[in-house]
Amino acid sequence: MAQAIETTPIRDKWGARVFYCFDPEGHRIEF
């Protein structure tokens, strides 16, 4: 069964487009 991952909206940061999600322990992961 597939599960969705919640992410923040895509935004511009330091000349790149980024979005964030959080692991189960609460750490922020940047893509």
C-alpha atoms as a PDB file:
ATOM      1  CA  MET A   1       0.000   0.000   0.000  1.00  0.00           C
ATOM      2  CA  ALA A   2       1.427   3.394  -0.990  1.00  0.00           C
ATOM      3  CA  GLN A   3       1.714   6.189   1.547  1.00  0.00           C
ATOM      4  CA  ALA A   4       1.868   9.912   0.834  1.00  0.00           C
ATOM      5  CA  ILE A   5       4.699  12.087   2.109  1.00  0.00           C
ATOM      6  CA  GLU A   6       3.755  15.571   3.270  1.00  0.00           C
ATOM      7  CA  THR A   7       6.011  18.337   1.953  1.00  0.00           C
ATOM      8  CA  THR A   8       6.194  22.103   2.166  1.00  0.00           C
ATOM      9  CA  PRO A   9       5.444  24.226  -0.899  1.00  0.00           C
ATOM     10  CA  ILE A  10       8.321  24.619  -3.373  1.00  0.00           C
ATOM     11  CA  ARG A  11      10.173  27.913  -2.892  1.00  0.00           C
ATOM     12  CA  ASP A  12      13.298  29.683  -4.101  1.00  0.00           C
ATOM     13  CA  LYS A  13      16.312  29.662  -1.779  1.00  0.00           C
ATOM     14  CA  TRP A  14      19.881  30.663  -2.661  1.00  0.00           C
ATOM     15  CA  GLY A  15      19.130  30.450  -6.398  1.00  0.00           C
ATOM     16  CA  ALA A  16      17.612  26.963  -6.161  1.00  0.00           C
ATOM     17  CA  ARG A  17      14.070  25.638  -5.893  1.00  0.00           C
ATOM     18  CA  VAL A  18      13.644  23.650  -2.668  1.00  0.00           C
ATOM     19  CA  PHE A  19      11.012  21.852  -0.629  1.00  0.00           C
ATOM     20  CA  TYR A  20      11.177  20.170   2.750  1.00  0.00           C
ATOM     21  CA  CYS A  21       9.782  17.080   4.409  1.00  0.00           C
ATOM     22  CA  PHE A  22      10.322  15.642   7.877  1.00  0.00           C
ATOM     23  CA  ASP A  23      11.465  12.179   8.926  1.00  0.00           C
ATOM     24  CA  PRO A  24       9.627  10.260  11.677  1.00  0.00           C
ATOM     25  CA  GLU A  25      11.987  11.702  14.328  1.00  0.00           C
ATOM     26  CA  GLY A  26      11.158  15.272  13.285  1.00  0.00           C
ATOM     27  CA  HIS A  27      14.355  16.112  11.379  1.00  0.00           C
ATOM     28  CA  ARG A  28      13.862  18.381   8.363  1.00  0.00           C
ATOM     29  CA  ILE A  29      15.067  17.005   5.013  1.00  0.00           C
ATOM     30  CA  GLU A  30      15.715  19.486   2.186  1.00  0.00           C
ATOM     31  CA  PHE A  31      15.378  18.563  -1.486  1.00  0.00           C
END
